[in-house]
Each structure stands twice: as structure tokens, then as C-alpha cells.
Amino acid sequence: DTHTATATDTARTILKENAAIQLV
């Protein structure tokens, strides 16, 4: 909810570093 663009960028970055992480 905070900043959607930032949340999606954050998710993308986290998963790029470790694709095995399950993101909710």
C-alpha cells in the first residue's frame, strides 16, 4: 500500500537476488 511502484520495484529486486524467496 505505501507506494505501489516502490513496492513492485522492491519485490523485483528481492526476487532478482534470490528467486527461491516466496513473496507475499
PDB file of all heavy atoms in Angstrom:
ATOM      1  N   ASP A   1       0.779  -1.247   0.000  1.00  0.00           N
ATOM      2  CA  ASP A   1       0.000   0.000   0.000  1.00  0.00           C
ATOM      3  C   ASP A   1       0.805   1.289   0.000  1.00  0.00           C
ATOM      4  O   ASP A   1       0.327   2.305  -0.458  1.00  0.00           O
ATOM      5  CB  ASP A   1      -0.942   0.034   1.204  1.00  0.00           C
ATOM      6  CG  ASP A   1      -2.095  -0.912   1.023  1.00  0.00           C
ATOM      7  OD1 ASP A   1      -2.402  -1.262  -0.129  1.00  0.00           O
ATOM      8  OD2 ASP A   1      -2.671  -1.328   2.034  1.00  0.00           O
ATOM      9  N   THR A   2       1.979   1.281   0.524  1.00  0.00           N
ATOM     10  CA  THR A   2       2.690   2.537   0.686  1.00  0.00           C
ATOM     11  C   THR A   2       2.918   3.272  -0.619  1.00  0.00           C
ATOM     12  O   THR A   2       2.365   4.306  -0.838  1.00  0.00           O
ATOM     13  CB  THR A   2       4.035   2.305   1.393  1.00  0.00           C
ATOM     14  OG1 THR A   2       4.302   0.923   1.386  1.00  0.00           O
ATOM     15  CG2 THR A   2       4.009   2.786   2.790  1.00  0.00           C
ATOM     16  N   HIS A   3       3.739   2.717  -1.459  1.00  0.00           N
ATOM     17  CA  HIS A   3       3.983   3.304  -2.773  1.00  0.00           C
ATOM     18  C   HIS A   3       4.073   2.137  -3.743  1.00  0.00           C
ATOM     19  O   HIS A   3       5.081   1.454  -3.771  1.00  0.00           O
ATOM     20  CB  HIS A   3       5.304   4.079  -2.818  1.00  0.00           C
ATOM     21  CG  HIS A   3       5.398   5.142  -1.792  1.00  0.00           C
ATOM     22  ND1 HIS A   3       5.920   4.925  -0.538  1.00  0.00           N
ATOM     23  CD2 HIS A   3       5.006   6.436  -1.817  1.00  0.00           C
ATOM     24  CE1 HIS A   3       5.872   6.036   0.154  1.00  0.00           C
ATOM     25  NE2 HIS A   3       5.322   6.965  -0.588  1.00  0.00           N
ATOM     26  N   THR A   4       3.037   1.922  -4.503  1.00  0.00           N
ATOM     27  CA  THR A   4       2.973   0.726  -5.340  1.00  0.00           C
ATOM     28  C   THR A   4       4.187   0.553  -6.237  1.00  0.00           C
ATOM     29  O   THR A   4       4.721  -0.524  -6.341  1.00  0.00           O
ATOM     30  CB  THR A   4       1.703   0.722  -6.202  1.00  0.00           C
ATOM     31  OG1 THR A   4       0.936   1.866  -5.943  1.00  0.00           O
ATOM     32  CG2 THR A   4       0.908  -0.497  -5.945  1.00  0.00           C
ATOM     33  N   ALA A   5       4.620   1.613  -6.884  1.00  0.00           N
ATOM     34  CA  ALA A   5       5.775   1.486  -7.767  1.00  0.00           C
ATOM     35  C   ALA A   5       6.989   1.045  -6.966  1.00  0.00           C
ATOM     36  O   ALA A   5       7.746   0.184  -7.390  1.00  0.00           O
ATOM     37  CB  ALA A   5       6.046   2.806  -8.475  1.00  0.00           C
ATOM     38  N   THR A   6       7.160   1.612  -5.772  1.00  0.00           N
ATOM     39  CA  THR A   6       8.284   1.232  -4.932  1.00  0.00           C
ATOM     40  C   THR A   6       8.136  -0.203  -4.449  1.00  0.00           C
ATOM     41  O   THR A   6       9.108  -0.948  -4.407  1.00  0.00           O
ATOM     42  CB  THR A   6       8.406   2.185  -3.732  1.00  0.00           C
ATOM     43  OG1 THR A   6       8.398   3.525  -4.220  1.00  0.00           O
ATOM     44  CG2 THR A   6       9.666   1.948  -2.962  1.00  0.00           C
ATOM     45  N   ALA A   7       6.942  -0.618  -4.093  1.00  0.00           N
ATOM     46  CA  ALA A   7       6.712  -1.992  -3.637  1.00  0.00           C
ATOM     47  C   ALA A   7       7.024  -2.992  -4.743  1.00  0.00           C
ATOM     48  O   ALA A   7       7.672  -4.007  -4.504  1.00  0.00           O
ATOM     49  CB  ALA A   7       5.274  -2.165  -3.151  1.00  0.00           C
ATOM     50  N   THR A   8       6.590  -2.698  -5.958  1.00  0.00           N
ATOM     51  CA  THR A   8       6.865  -3.622  -7.056  1.00  0.00           C
ATOM     52  C   THR A   8       8.352  -3.634  -7.398  1.00  0.00           C
ATOM     53  O   THR A   8       8.910  -4.692  -7.681  1.00  0.00           O
ATOM     54  CB  THR A   8       6.017  -3.301  -8.306  1.00  0.00           C
ATOM     55  OG1 THR A   8       6.222  -1.941  -8.676  1.00  0.00           O
ATOM     56  CG2 THR A   8       4.544  -3.567  -8.055  1.00  0.00           C
ATOM     57  N   ASP A   9       9.001  -2.475  -7.355  1.00  0.00           N
ATOM     58  CA  ASP A   9      10.452  -2.430  -7.591  1.00  0.00           C
ATOM     59  C   ASP A   9      11.195  -3.215  -6.518  1.00  0.00           C
ATOM     60  O   ASP A   9      12.161  -3.922  -6.809  1.00  0.00           O
ATOM     61  CB  ASP A   9      10.963  -0.987  -7.610  1.00  0.00           C
ATOM     62  CG  ASP A   9      10.493  -0.224  -8.839  1.00  0.00           C
ATOM     63  OD1 ASP A   9      10.066  -0.867  -9.827  1.00  0.00           O
ATOM     64  OD2 ASP A   9      10.539   1.025  -8.810  1.00  0.00           O
ATOM     65  N   THR A  10      10.753  -3.074  -5.283  1.00  0.00           N
ATOM     66  CA  THR A  10      11.373  -3.803  -4.177  1.00  0.00           C
ATOM     67  C   THR A  10      11.213  -5.302  -4.381  1.00  0.00           C
ATOM     68  O   THR A  10      12.169  -6.064  -4.237  1.00  0.00           O
ATOM     69  CB  THR A  10      10.748  -3.381  -2.837  1.00  0.00           C
ATOM     70  OG1 THR A  10      10.919  -1.973  -2.679  1.00  0.00           O
ATOM     71  CG2 THR A  10      11.372  -4.112  -1.668  1.00  0.00           C
ATOM     72  N   ALA A  11      10.002  -5.726  -4.716  1.00  0.00           N
ATOM     73  CA  ALA A  11       9.744  -7.149  -4.962  1.00  0.00           C
ATOM     74  C   ALA A  11      10.636  -7.666  -6.081  1.00  0.00           C
ATOM     75  O   ALA A  11      11.265  -8.721  -5.958  1.00  0.00           O
ATOM     76  CB  ALA A  11       8.274  -7.355  -5.312  1.00  0.00           C
ATOM     77  N   ARG A  12      10.704  -6.913  -7.154  1.00  0.00           N
ATOM     78  CA  ARG A  12      11.519  -7.304  -8.306  1.00  0.00           C
ATOM     79  C   ARG A  12      12.989  -7.456  -7.905  1.00  0.00           C
ATOM     80  O   ARG A  12      13.650  -8.431  -8.268  1.00  0.00           O
ATOM     81  CB  ARG A  12      11.368  -6.257  -9.415  1.00  0.00           C
ATOM     82  CG  ARG A  12      11.794  -6.720 -10.773  1.00  0.00           C
ATOM     83  CD  ARG A  12      11.529  -5.679 -11.854  1.00  0.00           C
ATOM     84  NE  ARG A  12      10.111  -5.593 -12.214  1.00  0.00           N
ATOM     85  CZ  ARG A  12       9.331  -4.540 -11.961  1.00  0.00           C
ATOM     86  NH1 ARG A  12       9.803  -3.467 -11.381  1.00  0.00           N
ATOM     87  NH2 ARG A  12       8.066  -4.546 -12.328  1.00  0.00           N
ATOM     88  N   THR A  13      13.500  -6.518  -7.123  1.00  0.00           N
ATOM     89  CA  THR A  13      14.897  -6.551  -6.684  1.00  0.00           C
ATOM     90  C   THR A  13      15.167  -7.739  -5.767  1.00  0.00           C
ATOM     91  O   THR A  13      16.160  -8.452  -5.930  1.00  0.00           O
ATOM     92  CB  THR A  13      15.269  -5.231  -5.968  1.00  0.00           C
ATOM     93  OG1 THR A  13      15.036  -4.144  -6.862  1.00  0.00           O
ATOM     94  CG2 THR A  13      16.710  -5.228  -5.515  1.00  0.00           C
ATOM     95  N   ILE A  14      14.280  -7.967  -4.810  1.00  0.00           N
ATOM     96  CA  ILE A  14      14.447  -9.092  -3.874  1.00  0.00           C
ATOM     97  C   ILE A  14      14.458 -10.412  -4.635  1.00  0.00           C
ATOM     98  O   ILE A  14      15.316 -11.267  -4.406  1.00  0.00           O
ATOM     99  CB  ILE A  14      13.342  -9.072  -2.797  1.00  0.00           C
ATOM    100  CG1 ILE A  14      13.581  -7.914  -1.816  1.00  0.00           C
ATOM    101  CG2 ILE A  14      13.279 -10.405  -2.052  1.00  0.00           C
ATOM    102  CD1 ILE A  14      12.449  -7.672  -0.836  1.00  0.00           C
ATOM    103  N   LEU A  15      13.523 -10.571  -5.559  1.00  0.00           N
ATOM    104  CA  LEU A  15      13.426 -11.836  -6.297  1.00  0.00           C
ATOM    105  C   LEU A  15      14.556 -11.999  -7.310  1.00  0.00           C
ATOM    106  O   LEU A  15      14.939 -13.125  -7.632  1.00  0.00           O
ATOM    107  CB  LEU A  15      12.065 -11.955  -6.973  1.00  0.00           C
ATOM    108  CG  LEU A  15      10.900 -12.082  -5.984  1.00  0.00           C
ATOM    109  CD1 LEU A  15       9.571 -12.025  -6.713  1.00  0.00           C
ATOM    110  CD2 LEU A  15      11.028 -13.360  -5.169  1.00  0.00           C
ATOM    111  N   LYS A  16      15.093 -10.893  -7.793  1.00  0.00           N
ATOM    112  CA  LYS A  16      16.241 -10.976  -8.705  1.00  0.00           C
ATOM    113  C   LYS A  16      17.452 -11.517  -7.945  1.00  0.00           C
ATOM    114  O   LYS A  16      18.231 -12.300  -8.481  1.00  0.00           O
ATOM    115  CB  LYS A  16      16.544  -9.598  -9.288  1.00  0.00           C
ATOM    116  CG  LYS A  16      17.678  -9.598 -10.277  1.00  0.00           C
ATOM    117  CD  LYS A  16      17.910  -8.209 -10.841  1.00  0.00           C
ATOM    118  CE  LYS A  16      19.091  -8.213 -11.778  1.00  0.00           C
ATOM    119  NZ  LYS A  16      19.469  -6.868 -12.164  1.00  0.00           N
ATOM    120  N   GLU A  17      17.586 -11.098  -6.696  1.00  0.00           N
ATOM    121  CA  GLU A  17      18.701 -11.560  -5.856  1.00  0.00           C
ATOM    122  C   GLU A  17      18.524 -13.016  -5.431  1.00  0.00           C
ATOM    123  O   GLU A  17      19.501 -13.736  -5.294  1.00  0.00           O
ATOM    124  CB  GLU A  17      18.821 -10.674  -4.602  1.00  0.00           C
ATOM    125  CG  GLU A  17      19.161  -9.239  -4.893  1.00  0.00           C
ATOM    126  CD  GLU A  17      20.575  -9.075  -5.424  1.00  0.00           C
ATOM    127  OE1 GLU A  17      21.482  -9.763  -4.927  1.00  0.00           O
ATOM    128  OE2 GLU A  17      20.759  -8.254  -6.345  1.00  0.00           O
ATOM    129  N   ASN A  18      17.276 -13.438  -5.182  1.00  0.00           N
ATOM    130  CA  ASN A  18      17.012 -14.802  -4.728  1.00  0.00           C
ATOM    131  C   ASN A  18      15.629 -15.228  -5.206  1.00  0.00           C
ATOM    132  O   ASN A  18      14.616 -14.945  -4.564  1.00  0.00           O
ATOM    133  CB  ASN A  18      17.103 -14.890  -3.202  1.00  0.00           C
ATOM    134  CG  ASN A  18      16.914 -16.302  -2.685  1.00  0.00           C
ATOM    135  OD1 ASN A  18      16.504 -17.199  -3.410  1.00  0.00           O
ATOM    136  ND2 ASN A  18      17.219 -16.493  -1.418  1.00  0.00           N
ATOM    137  N   ALA A  19      15.588 -15.924  -6.316  1.00  0.00           N
ATOM    138  CA  ALA A  19      14.314 -16.330  -6.928  1.00  0.00           C
ATOM    139  C   ALA A  19      13.561 -17.376  -6.110  1.00  0.00           C
ATOM    140  O   ALA A  19      12.377 -17.608  -6.338  1.00  0.00           O
ATOM    141  CB  ALA A  19      14.561 -16.857  -8.336  1.00  0.00           C
ATOM    142  N   ALA A  20      14.231 -18.001  -5.138  1.00  0.00           N
ATOM    143  CA  ALA A  20      13.573 -19.024  -4.320  1.00  0.00           C
ATOM    144  C   ALA A  20      12.687 -18.422  -3.229  1.00  0.00           C
ATOM    145  O   ALA A  20      11.853 -19.118  -2.657  1.00  0.00           O
ATOM    146  CB  ALA A  20      14.621 -19.935  -3.689  1.00  0.00           C
ATOM    147  N   ILE A  21      12.852 -17.142  -2.951  1.00  0.00           N
ATOM    148  CA  ILE A  21      12.040 -16.494  -1.925  1.00  0.00           C
ATOM    149  C   ILE A  21      10.582 -16.475  -2.369  1.00  0.00           C
ATOM    150  O   ILE A  21      10.268 -16.189  -3.515  1.00  0.00           O
ATOM    151  CB  ILE A  21      12.536 -15.051  -1.651  1.00  0.00           C
ATOM    152  CG1 ILE A  21      13.864 -15.093  -0.896  1.00  0.00           C
ATOM    153  CG2 ILE A  21      11.501 -14.237  -0.875  1.00  0.00           C
ATOM    154  CD1 ILE A  21      14.491 -13.735  -0.652  1.00  0.00           C
ATOM    155  N   GLN A  22       9.702 -16.798  -1.440  1.00  0.00           N
ATOM    156  CA  GLN A  22       8.266 -16.719  -1.679  1.00  0.00           C
ATOM    157  C   GLN A  22       7.823 -15.344  -1.193  1.00  0.00           C
ATOM    158  O   GLN A  22       8.038 -15.006  -0.031  1.00  0.00           O
ATOM    159  CB  GLN A  22       7.542 -17.825  -0.899  1.00  0.00           C
ATOM    160  CG  GLN A  22       8.055 -19.220  -1.202  1.00  0.00           C
ATOM    161  CD  GLN A  22       7.816 -19.613  -2.637  1.00  0.00           C
ATOM    162  OE1 GLN A  22       6.686 -19.762  -3.076  1.00  0.00           O
ATOM    163  NE2 GLN A  22       8.889 -19.782  -3.395  1.00  0.00           N
ATOM    164  N   LEU A  23       7.230 -14.562  -2.071  1.00  0.00           N
ATOM    165  CA  LEU A  23       6.880 -13.189  -1.741  1.00  0.00           C
ATOM    166  C   LEU A  23       5.364 -13.049  -1.595  1.00  0.00           C
ATOM    167  O   LEU A  23       4.621 -13.471  -2.477  1.00  0.00           O
ATOM    168  CB  LEU A  23       7.380 -12.243  -2.839  1.00  0.00           C
ATOM    169  CG  LEU A  23       7.329 -10.792  -2.426  1.00  0.00           C
ATOM    170  CD1 LEU A  23       8.724 -10.318  -2.091  1.00  0.00           C
ATOM    171  CD2 LEU A  23       6.748  -9.960  -3.513  1.00  0.00           C
ATOM    172  N   VAL A  24       4.937 -12.465  -0.486  1.00  0.00           N
ATOM    173  CA  VAL A  24       3.522 -12.228  -0.212  1.00  0.00           C
ATOM    174  C   VAL A  24       3.312 -10.723  -0.089  1.00  0.00           C
ATOM    175  O   VAL A  24       4.010 -10.063   0.673  1.00  0.00           O
ATOM    176  CB  VAL A  24       3.074 -12.914   1.102  1.00  0.00           C
ATOM    177  CG1 VAL A  24       1.612 -12.613   1.409  1.00  0.00           C
ATOM    178  CG2 VAL A  24       3.321 -14.406   1.051  1.00  0.00           C
TER     179      VAL A  24
END
